């Protein structure tokens, strides 16, 4: 996995989780859903990169 893509994936996960938790704290359901989506996208990006790496070796 390239370091840049790995960093992007982790950053999306962290930002998404932070947004989701903050939105839940102030009862903003729409924003919480957007945070959850961002977190999920980061997880999928990380999984995609891991899959690509498994075929390289």
PDB file of N, CA and C in Angstrom:
ATOM      1  N   UNK A   1       0.841  -1.161   0.000  1.00  0.00           N
ATOM      2  CA  UNK A   1       0.000   0.000   0.000  1.00  0.00           C
ATOM      3  C   UNK A   1       0.893   1.233   0.000  1.00  0.00           C
ATOM      4  N   UNK A   2       0.602   2.141  -0.882  1.00  0.00           N
ATOM      5  CA  UNK A   2       1.419   3.347  -0.911  1.00  0.00           C
ATOM      6  C   UNK A   2       1.159   4.174   0.343  1.00  0.00           C
ATOM      7  N   UNK A   3       2.173   4.841   0.793  1.00  0.00           N
ATOM      8  CA  UNK A   3       2.075   5.605   2.033  1.00  0.00           C
ATOM      9  C   UNK A   3       1.042   6.720   1.911  1.00  0.00           C
ATOM     10  N   UNK A   4       0.958   7.332   0.757  1.00  0.00           N
ATOM     11  CA  UNK A   4      -0.006   8.416   0.554  1.00  0.00           C
ATOM     12  C   UNK A   4      -1.442   7.949   0.630  1.00  0.00           C
ATOM     13  N   UNK A   5      -1.732   6.842  -0.019  1.00  0.00           N
ATOM     14  CA  UNK A   5      -3.091   6.301   0.011  1.00  0.00           C
ATOM     15  C   UNK A   5      -3.460   5.798   1.403  1.00  0.00           C
ATOM     16  N   UNK A   6      -2.492   5.198   2.076  1.00  0.00           N
ATOM     17  CA  UNK A   6      -2.739   4.717   3.431  1.00  0.00           C
ATOM     18  C   UNK A   6      -3.047   5.894   4.357  1.00  0.00           C
ATOM     19  N   UNK A   7      -2.328   6.982   4.200  1.00  0.00           N
ATOM     20  CA  UNK A   7      -2.555   8.175   5.014  1.00  0.00           C
ATOM     21  C   UNK A   7      -3.922   8.783   4.725  1.00  0.00           C
ATOM     22  N   UNK A   8      -4.306   8.826   3.449  1.00  0.00           N
ATOM     23  CA  UNK A   8      -5.621   9.358   3.090  1.00  0.00           C
ATOM     24  C   UNK A   8      -6.736   8.521   3.703  1.00  0.00           C
ATOM     25  N   UNK A   9      -6.591   7.209   3.636  1.00  0.00           N
ATOM     26  CA  UNK A   9      -7.602   6.319   4.182  1.00  0.00           C
ATOM     27  C   UNK A   9      -7.735   6.515   5.691  1.00  0.00           C
ATOM     28  N   UNK A  10      -6.619   6.581   6.377  1.00  0.00           N
ATOM     29  CA  UNK A  10      -6.652   6.750   7.833  1.00  0.00           C
ATOM     30  C   UNK A  10      -7.217   8.118   8.203  1.00  0.00           C
ATOM     31  N   UNK A  11      -6.850   9.147   7.444  1.00  0.00           N
ATOM     32  CA  UNK A  11      -7.354  10.497   7.720  1.00  0.00           C
ATOM     33  C   UNK A  11      -8.871  10.550   7.550  1.00  0.00           C
ATOM     34  N   UNK A  12      -9.385   9.917   6.507  1.00  0.00           N
ATOM     35  CA  UNK A  12     -10.833   9.888   6.300  1.00  0.00           C
ATOM     36  C   UNK A  12     -11.528   9.180   7.454  1.00  0.00           C
ATOM     37  N   UNK A  13     -10.935   8.093   7.926  1.00  0.00           N
ATOM     38  CA  UNK A  13     -11.536   7.369   9.047  1.00  0.00           C
ATOM     39  C   UNK A  13     -11.582   8.229  10.301  1.00  0.00           C
ATOM     40  N   UNK A  14     -10.490   8.894  10.596  1.00  0.00           N
ATOM     41  CA  UNK A  14     -10.404   9.715  11.810  1.00  0.00           C
ATOM     42  C   UNK A  14     -11.349  10.910  11.725  1.00  0.00           C
ATOM     43  N   UNK A  15     -11.345  11.609  10.595  1.00  0.00           N
ATOM     44  CA  UNK A  15     -12.215  12.773  10.431  1.00  0.00           C
ATOM     45  C   UNK A  15     -13.678  12.347  10.474  1.00  0.00           C
ATOM     46  N   UNK A  16     -14.005  11.270   9.798  1.00  0.00           N
ATOM     47  CA  UNK A  16     -15.380  10.777   9.794  1.00  0.00           C
ATOM     48  C   UNK A  16     -15.866  10.410  11.180  1.00  0.00           C
ATOM     49  N   UNK A  17     -15.021   9.741  11.933  1.00  0.00           N
ATOM     50  CA  UNK A  17     -15.394   9.346  13.292  1.00  0.00           C
ATOM     51  C   UNK A  17     -15.584  10.565  14.185  1.00  0.00           C
ATOM     52  N   UNK A  18     -14.709  11.540  14.041  1.00  0.00           N
ATOM     53  CA  UNK A  18     -14.797  12.768  14.834  1.00  0.00           C
ATOM     54  C   UNK A  18     -16.074  13.534  14.503  1.00  0.00           C
ATOM     55  N   UNK A  19     -16.369  13.687  13.217  1.00  0.00           N
ATOM     56  CA  UNK A  19     -17.576  14.394  12.786  1.00  0.00           C
ATOM     57  C   UNK A  19     -18.808  13.660  13.294  1.00  0.00           C
ATOM     58  N   UNK A  20     -18.812  12.345  13.158  1.00  0.00           N
ATOM     59  CA  UNK A  20     -19.963  11.544  13.583  1.00  0.00           C
ATOM     60  C   UNK A  20     -20.224  11.718  15.079  1.00  0.00           C
ATOM     61  N   UNK A  21     -19.188  11.609  15.891  1.00  0.00           N
ATOM     62  CA  UNK A  21     -19.351  11.720  17.336  1.00  0.00           C
ATOM     63  C   UNK A  21     -19.766  13.131  17.753  1.00  0.00           C
ATOM     64  N   UNK A  22     -19.183  14.145  17.127  1.00  0.00           N
ATOM     65  CA  UNK A  22     -19.548  15.527  17.453  1.00  0.00           C
ATOM     66  C   UNK A  22     -20.999  15.807  17.052  1.00  0.00           C
ATOM     67  N   UNK A  23     -21.410  15.298  15.910  1.00  0.00           N
ATOM     68  CA  UNK A  23     -22.780  15.519  15.442  1.00  0.00           C
ATOM     69  C   UNK A  23     -23.786  14.819  16.351  1.00  0.00           C
ATOM     70  N   UNK A  24     -23.447  13.626  16.824  1.00  0.00           N
ATOM     71  CA  UNK A  24     -24.336  12.937  17.759  1.00  0.00           C
ATOM     72  C   UNK A  24     -24.470  13.730  19.047  1.00  0.00           C
ATOM     73  N   UNK A  25     -23.397  14.355  19.471  1.00  0.00           N
ATOM     74  CA  UNK A  25     -23.421  15.112  20.726  1.00  0.00           C
ATOM     75  C   UNK A  25     -24.363  16.308  20.655  1.00  0.00           C
ATOM     76  N   UNK A  26     -24.510  16.898  19.475  1.00  0.00           N
ATOM     77  CA  UNK A  26     -25.394  18.055  19.330  1.00  0.00           C
ATOM     78  C   UNK A  26     -26.680  17.697  18.582  1.00  0.00           C
ATOM     79  N   UNK A  27     -26.948  16.404  18.429  1.00  0.00           N
ATOM     80  CA  UNK A  27     -28.197  15.897  17.838  1.00  0.00           C
ATOM     81  C   UNK A  27     -28.420  16.355  16.401  1.00  0.00           C
ATOM     82  N   UNK A  28     -27.372  16.296  15.607  1.00  0.00           N
ATOM     83  CA  UNK A  28     -27.462  16.623  14.184  1.00  0.00           C
ATOM     84  C   UNK A  28     -27.345  15.318  13.398  1.00  0.00           C
ATOM     85  N   UNK A  29     -28.490  14.695  13.137  1.00  0.00           N
ATOM     86  CA  UNK A  29     -28.499  13.367  12.519  1.00  0.00           C
ATOM     87  C   UNK A  29     -27.953  13.363  11.099  1.00  0.00           C
ATOM     88  N   UNK A  30     -28.246  14.392  10.316  1.00  0.00           N
ATOM     89  CA  UNK A  30     -27.760  14.442   8.941  1.00  0.00           C
ATOM     90  C   UNK A  30     -26.243  14.524   8.905  1.00  0.00           C
ATOM     91  N   UNK A  31     -25.679  15.365   9.742  1.00  0.00           N
ATOM     92  CA  UNK A  31     -24.233  15.498   9.802  1.00  0.00           C
ATOM     93  C   UNK A  31     -23.583  14.218  10.335  1.00  0.00           C
ATOM     94  N   UNK A  32     -24.254  13.557  11.262  1.00  0.00           N
ATOM     95  CA  UNK A  32     -23.739  12.291  11.787  1.00  0.00           C
ATOM     96  C   UNK A  32     -23.683  11.240  10.683  1.00  0.00           C
ATOM     97  N   UNK A  33     -24.684  11.230   9.834  1.00  0.00           N
ATOM     98  CA  UNK A  33     -24.703  10.277   8.717  1.00  0.00           C
ATOM     99  C   UNK A  33     -23.576  10.575   7.727  1.00  0.00           C
ATOM    100  N   UNK A  34     -23.316  11.850   7.487  1.00  0.00           N
ATOM    101  CA  UNK A  34     -22.220  12.221   6.590  1.00  0.00           C
ATOM    102  C   UNK A  34     -20.878  11.808   7.180  1.00  0.00           C
ATOM    103  N   UNK A  35     -20.725  11.966   8.475  1.00  0.00           N
ATOM    104  CA  UNK A  35     -19.495  11.535   9.138  1.00  0.00           C
ATOM    105  C   UNK A  35     -19.313  10.029   9.055  1.00  0.00           C
ATOM    106  N   UNK A  36     -20.410   9.294   9.245  1.00  0.00           N
ATOM    107  CA  UNK A  36     -20.349   7.846   9.153  1.00  0.00           C
ATOM    108  C   UNK A  36     -19.990   7.403   7.738  1.00  0.00           C
ATOM    109  N   UNK A  37     -20.521   8.110   6.746  1.00  0.00           N
ATOM    110  CA  UNK A  37     -20.203   7.789   5.351  1.00  0.00           C
ATOM    111  C   UNK A  37     -18.734   8.048   5.056  1.00  0.00           C
ATOM    112  N   UNK A  38     -18.209   9.141   5.568  1.00  0.00           N
ATOM    113  CA  UNK A  38     -16.799   9.451   5.367  1.00  0.00           C
ATOM    114  C   UNK A  38     -15.914   8.399   6.026  1.00  0.00           C
ATOM    115  N   UNK A  39     -16.302   7.982   7.214  1.00  0.00           N
ATOM    116  CA  UNK A  39     -15.549   6.953   7.917  1.00  0.00           C
ATOM    117  C   UNK A  39     -15.574   5.636   7.130  1.00  0.00           C
ATOM    118  N   UNK A  40     -16.740   5.277   6.615  1.00  0.00           N
ATOM    119  CA  UNK A  40     -16.866   4.048   5.828  1.00  0.00           C
ATOM    120  C   UNK A  40     -16.042   4.123   4.546  1.00  0.00           C
ATOM    121  N   UNK A  41     -16.035   5.299   3.913  1.00  0.00           N
ATOM    122  CA  UNK A  41     -15.238   5.465   2.694  1.00  0.00           C
ATOM    123  C   UNK A  41     -13.752   5.281   2.979  1.00  0.00           C
ATOM    124  N   UNK A  42     -13.304   5.776   4.119  1.00  0.00           N
ATOM    125  CA  UNK A  42     -11.910   5.590   4.513  1.00  0.00           C
ATOM    126  C   UNK A  42     -11.576   4.125   4.738  1.00  0.00           C
ATOM    127  N   UNK A  43     -12.503   3.404   5.347  1.00  0.00           N
ATOM    128  CA  UNK A  43     -12.289   1.970   5.578  1.00  0.00           C
ATOM    129  C   UNK A  43     -12.243   1.209   4.258  1.00  0.00           C
ATOM    130  N   UNK A  44     -13.112   1.572   3.323  1.00  0.00           N
ATOM    131  CA  UNK A  44     -13.131   0.903   2.022  1.00  0.00           C
ATOM    132  C   UNK A  44     -11.866   1.216   1.234  1.00  0.00           C
ATOM    133  N   UNK A  45     -11.403   2.455   1.322  1.00  0.00           N
ATOM    134  CA  UNK A  45     -10.168   2.835   0.620  1.00  0.00           C
ATOM    135  C   UNK A  45      -8.991   2.019   1.170  1.00  0.00           C
ATOM    136  N   UNK A  46      -8.942   1.859   2.486  1.00  0.00           N
ATOM    137  CA  UNK A  46      -7.883   1.064   3.102  1.00  0.00           C
ATOM    138  C   UNK A  46      -7.952  -0.394   2.670  1.00  0.00           C
ATOM    139  N   UNK A  47      -9.172  -0.930   2.603  1.00  0.00           N
ATOM    140  CA  UNK A  47      -9.341  -2.320   2.183  1.00  0.00           C
ATOM    141  C   UNK A  47      -8.932  -2.504   0.723  1.00  0.00           C
ATOM    142  N   UNK A  48      -9.248  -1.531  -0.105  1.00  0.00           N
ATOM    143  CA  UNK A  48      -8.884  -1.600  -1.528  1.00  0.00           C
ATOM    144  C   UNK A  48      -7.371  -1.633  -1.689  1.00  0.00           C
ATOM    145  N   UNK A  49      -6.696  -0.795  -0.943  1.00  0.00           N
ATOM    146  CA  UNK A  49      -5.236  -0.744  -1.036  1.00  0.00           C
ATOM    147  C   UNK A  49      -4.604  -2.040  -0.522  1.00  0.00           C
ATOM    148  N   UNK A  50      -5.164  -2.607   0.532  1.00  0.00           N
ATOM    149  CA  UNK A  50      -4.642  -3.864   1.040  1.00  0.00           C
ATOM    150  C   UNK A  50      -4.820  -4.979   0.023  1.00  0.00           C
ATOM    151  N   UNK A  51      -5.948  -4.965  -0.679  1.00  0.00           N
ATOM    152  CA  UNK A  51      -6.209  -5.965  -1.720  1.00  0.00           C
ATOM    153  C   UNK A  51      -5.205  -5.817  -2.860  1.00  0.00           C
ATOM    154  N   UNK A  52      -4.962  -4.584  -3.266  1.00  0.00           N
ATOM    155  CA  UNK A  52      -3.990  -4.357  -4.334  1.00  0.00           C
ATOM    156  C   UNK A  52      -2.604  -4.840  -3.919  1.00  0.00           C
ATOM    157  N   UNK A  53      -2.243  -4.624  -2.667  1.00  0.00           N
ATOM    158  CA  UNK A  53      -0.950  -5.070  -2.185  1.00  0.00           C
ATOM    159  C   UNK A  53      -0.821  -6.591  -2.153  1.00  0.00           C
ATOM    160  N   UNK A  54      -1.940  -7.261  -1.862  1.00  0.00           N
ATOM    161  CA  UNK A  54      -1.869  -8.727  -1.782  1.00  0.00           C
ATOM    162  C   UNK A  54      -1.566  -9.345  -3.142  1.00  0.00           C
ATOM    163  N   UNK A  55      -1.937  -8.680  -4.232  1.00  0.00           N
ATOM    164  CA  UNK A  55      -1.652  -9.211  -5.561  1.00  0.00           C
ATOM    165  C   UNK A  55      -0.238  -8.872  -6.028  1.00  0.00           C
ATOM    166  N   UNK A  56       0.403  -7.911  -5.391  1.00  0.00           N
ATOM    167  CA  UNK A  56       1.762  -7.541  -5.761  1.00  0.00           C
ATOM    168  C   UNK A  56       2.779  -8.550  -5.254  1.00  0.00           C
ATOM    169  N   UNK A  57       2.457  -9.236  -4.187  1.00  0.00           N
ATOM    170  CA  UNK A  57       3.440 -10.148  -3.577  1.00  0.00           C
ATOM    171  C   UNK A  57       3.212 -11.551  -3.962  1.00  0.00           C
TER     172      UNK A  57
END
